[in-house]
């Protein structure tokens, strides 16, 4: 498997994971909303869920953009994507 293929596979796998996480967050938000007793708690839950969902949606968007760039790149230029993919998938890693 070429480096490009490996990186494409990693990004696609991470996108799937983030999409599942987004679906889970949506379901949790709906469940908590149904259980919320007061308007204030409801508003706080909505904001918290909205913030988490916006964060994961941004990651998905960035991941899709990087995936398209990677797919369009030549095999010779793919090495430059390695650290970008690592940063996207695990931004907290130590270099």
C-alpha atoms as a PDB file:
ATOM      1  CA  UNK A   1       0.000   0.000   0.000  1.00  0.00           C
ATOM      2  CA  UNK A   2       1.436   3.366  -0.965  1.00  0.00           C
ATOM      3  CA  UNK A   3       1.809   6.215   1.499  1.00  0.00           C
ATOM      4  CA  UNK A   4      -0.946   8.089  -0.322  1.00  0.00           C
ATOM      5  CA  UNK A   5      -3.336   5.144  -0.048  1.00  0.00           C
ATOM      6  CA  UNK A   6      -2.490   4.749   3.622  1.00  0.00           C
ATOM      7  CA  UNK A   7      -3.121   8.430   4.349  1.00  0.00           C
ATOM      8  CA  UNK A   8      -6.397   8.397   2.391  1.00  0.00           C
ATOM      9  CA  UNK A   9      -7.504   5.365   4.395  1.00  0.00           C
ATOM     10  CA  UNK A  10      -6.603   7.066   7.692  1.00  0.00           C
ATOM     11  CA  UNK A  11      -8.480  10.263   6.846  1.00  0.00           C
ATOM     12  CA  UNK A  12     -11.528   8.349   5.603  1.00  0.00           C
ATOM     13  CA  UNK A  13     -11.512   6.253   8.776  1.00  0.00           C
ATOM     14  CA  UNK A  14     -11.254   9.356  10.978  1.00  0.00           C
ATOM     15  CA  UNK A  15     -14.083  11.053   9.070  1.00  0.00           C
ATOM     16  CA  UNK A  16     -16.294   8.025   9.663  1.00  0.00           C
ATOM     17  CA  UNK A  17     -15.467   8.124  13.376  1.00  0.00           C
ATOM     18  CA  UNK A  18     -16.237  11.851  13.600  1.00  0.00           C
ATOM     19  CA  UNK A  19     -19.505  11.400  11.715  1.00  0.00           C
ATOM     20  CA  UNK A  20     -20.526   8.645  14.140  1.00  0.00           C
ATOM     21  CA  UNK A  21     -19.561  10.921  17.035  1.00  0.00           C
ATOM     22  CA  UNK A  22     -21.669  13.725  15.550  1.00  0.00           C
ATOM     23  CA  UNK A  23     -24.646  11.376  15.200  1.00  0.00           C
ATOM     24  CA  UNK A  24     -24.179  10.256  18.791  1.00  0.00           C
ATOM     25  CA  UNK A  25     -23.991  13.861  20.026  1.00  0.00           C
ATOM     26  CA  UNK A  26     -27.181  14.685  18.155  1.00  0.00           C
ATOM     27  CA  UNK A  27     -28.970  11.703  19.686  1.00  0.00           C
ATOM     28  CA  UNK A  28     -27.705  12.572  23.182  1.00  0.00           C
ATOM     29  CA  UNK A  29     -28.800  16.176  22.781  1.00  0.00           C
ATOM     30  CA  UNK A  30     -32.267  15.088  21.719  1.00  0.00           C
ATOM     31  CA  UNK A  31     -32.523  12.680  24.655  1.00  0.00           C
ATOM     32  CA  UNK A  32     -31.333  15.279  27.153  1.00  0.00           C
ATOM     33  CA  UNK A  33     -33.643  17.859  25.669  1.00  0.00           C
ATOM     34  CA  UNK A  34     -36.563  15.531  26.224  1.00  0.00           C
ATOM     35  CA  UNK A  35     -35.475  15.052  29.841  1.00  0.00           C
ATOM     36  CA  UNK A  36     -34.776  18.715  30.599  1.00  0.00           C
ATOM     37  CA  UNK A  37     -37.011  20.048  33.356  1.00  0.00           C
ATOM     38  CA  UNK A  38     -36.452  23.765  33.230  1.00  0.00           C
ATOM     39  CA  UNK A  39     -35.983  26.320  30.469  1.00  0.00           C
ATOM     40  CA  UNK A  40     -32.561  27.307  31.793  1.00  0.00           C
ATOM     41  CA  UNK A  41     -31.325  23.727  31.892  1.00  0.00           C
ATOM     42  CA  UNK A  42     -32.769  23.192  28.453  1.00  0.00           C
ATOM     43  CA  UNK A  43     -30.979  26.244  27.047  1.00  0.00           C
ATOM     44  CA  UNK A  44     -27.688  25.196  28.657  1.00  0.00           C
ATOM     45  CA  UNK A  45     -28.032  21.683  27.252  1.00  0.00           C
ATOM     46  CA  UNK A  46     -28.804  23.030  23.794  1.00  0.00           C
ATOM     47  CA  UNK A  47     -25.781  25.346  23.906  1.00  0.00           C
ATOM     48  CA  UNK A  48     -23.455  22.607  25.136  1.00  0.00           C
ATOM     49  CA  UNK A  49     -24.676  20.183  22.490  1.00  0.00           C
ATOM     50  CA  UNK A  50     -24.497  22.867  19.834  1.00  0.00           C
ATOM     51  CA  UNK A  51     -20.901  23.722  20.753  1.00  0.00           C
ATOM     52  CA  UNK A  52     -19.830  20.067  20.672  1.00  0.00           C
ATOM     53  CA  UNK A  53     -21.611  19.484  17.388  1.00  0.00           C
ATOM     54  CA  UNK A  54     -20.110  22.604  15.809  1.00  0.00           C
ATOM     55  CA  UNK A  55     -16.655  21.427  16.847  1.00  0.00           C
ATOM     56  CA  UNK A  56     -17.068  17.969  15.338  1.00  0.00           C
ATOM     57  CA  UNK A  57     -18.700  19.411  12.195  1.00  0.00           C
ATOM     58  CA  UNK A  58     -15.655  21.672  11.738  1.00  0.00           C
ATOM     59  CA  UNK A  59     -13.343  18.658  12.069  1.00  0.00           C
ATOM     60  CA  UNK A  60     -15.399  16.790   9.481  1.00  0.00           C
ATOM     61  CA  UNK A  61     -15.243  19.728   7.098  1.00  0.00           C
ATOM     62  CA  UNK A  62     -11.484  20.100   7.510  1.00  0.00           C
ATOM     63  CA  UNK A  63     -11.051  16.365   7.101  1.00  0.00           C
ATOM     64  CA  UNK A  64     -13.029  16.288   3.871  1.00  0.00           C
ATOM     65  CA  UNK A  65     -11.003  19.200   2.473  1.00  0.00           C
ATOM     66  CA  UNK A  66      -7.724  17.509   3.382  1.00  0.00           C
ATOM     67  CA  UNK A  67      -8.944  14.216   1.921  1.00  0.00           C
ATOM     68  CA  UNK A  68      -9.750  15.862  -1.406  1.00  0.00           C
ATOM     69  CA  UNK A  69      -6.353  17.583  -1.476  1.00  0.00           C
ATOM     70  CA  UNK A  70      -4.693  14.277  -0.705  1.00  0.00           C
ATOM     71  CA  UNK A  71      -6.606  12.401  -3.394  1.00  0.00           C
ATOM     72  CA  UNK A  72      -5.654  15.055  -5.964  1.00  0.00           C
ATOM     73  CA  UNK A  73      -1.970  15.053  -5.017  1.00  0.00           C
ATOM     74  CA  UNK A  74       0.702  13.150  -6.848  1.00  0.00           C
ATOM     75  CA  UNK A  75       2.429  10.228  -5.192  1.00  0.00           C
ATOM     76  CA  UNK A  76       5.623  12.336  -5.074  1.00  0.00           C
ATOM     77  CA  UNK A  77       4.014  15.139  -3.065  1.00  0.00           C
ATOM     78  CA  UNK A  78       2.142  12.926  -0.625  1.00  0.00           C
ATOM     79  CA  UNK A  79       4.912  12.961   1.988  1.00  0.00           C
ATOM     80  CA  UNK A  80       4.024  16.572   2.790  1.00  0.00           C
ATOM     81  CA  UNK A  81       0.533  15.432   3.806  1.00  0.00           C
ATOM     82  CA  UNK A  82       1.774  12.997   6.449  1.00  0.00           C
ATOM     83  CA  UNK A  83       2.146  15.550   9.252  1.00  0.00           C
ATOM     84  CA  UNK A  84      -0.981  17.423   8.143  1.00  0.00           C
ATOM     85  CA  UNK A  85      -3.003  14.204   8.430  1.00  0.00           C
ATOM     86  CA  UNK A  86      -1.458  13.456  11.830  1.00  0.00           C
ATOM     87  CA  UNK A  87      -2.292  16.991  13.006  1.00  0.00           C
ATOM     88  CA  UNK A  88      -5.857  16.607  11.780  1.00  0.00           C
ATOM     89  CA  UNK A  89      -6.422  13.209  13.367  1.00  0.00           C
ATOM     90  CA  UNK A  90      -4.523  13.831  16.611  1.00  0.00           C
ATOM     91  CA  UNK A  91      -3.957  17.568  17.131  1.00  0.00           C
ATOM     92  CA  UNK A  92      -2.807  17.051  20.749  1.00  0.00           C
ATOM     93  CA  UNK A  93       0.035  14.679  19.913  1.00  0.00           C
ATOM     94  CA  UNK A  94       3.544  15.600  20.933  1.00  0.00           C
ATOM     95  CA  UNK A  95       5.933  16.207  18.020  1.00  0.00           C
END
